[in-house]
Amino acid sequence: MLNNEMTERAFIAQVLSFYLRLPQTPTRSRRTDRQLAAQWFAQGLTWETLEGALLLATVRRGLRDPALPPLSPIRSLHYFVPLLEEVQTTPLAPEYVQYLRSKLAAFITTD
């Protein structure tokens, strides 16, 4: 969905709601998270690009070698900025995004 099809408030709510449902994220958003989501809206980023970045980061964390020390929980939406830049540079195919959604669903049901 393009940003011009949704209000800024709805866009921010969608981003924050998705973020807070991800594994190892806070139960509440912070003011800086809301500000970042508003900034992304102002930049004209699409929900599809943001969703892809959040999914990719979460699945990479979930597939990380379990022999490595555990990562600390995600404390801010800013954690996803590098992945967003990566997805903007190399957009994800819709089929790959669907694959990431299925992987995320598997992580959530096994928690």
Foldseek 3Di string as FASTA:
>chain_A
DWLVVDDLVVQLVVLQVVQCPAPLEDVDADPVQSVVSSVCSVVRDDPQLSLQLSLVVRLCLVPPDPVDDHDHGDYHPVVSVVSSVVCVVPPDDPVVSVVSVVSRVVVVVVD
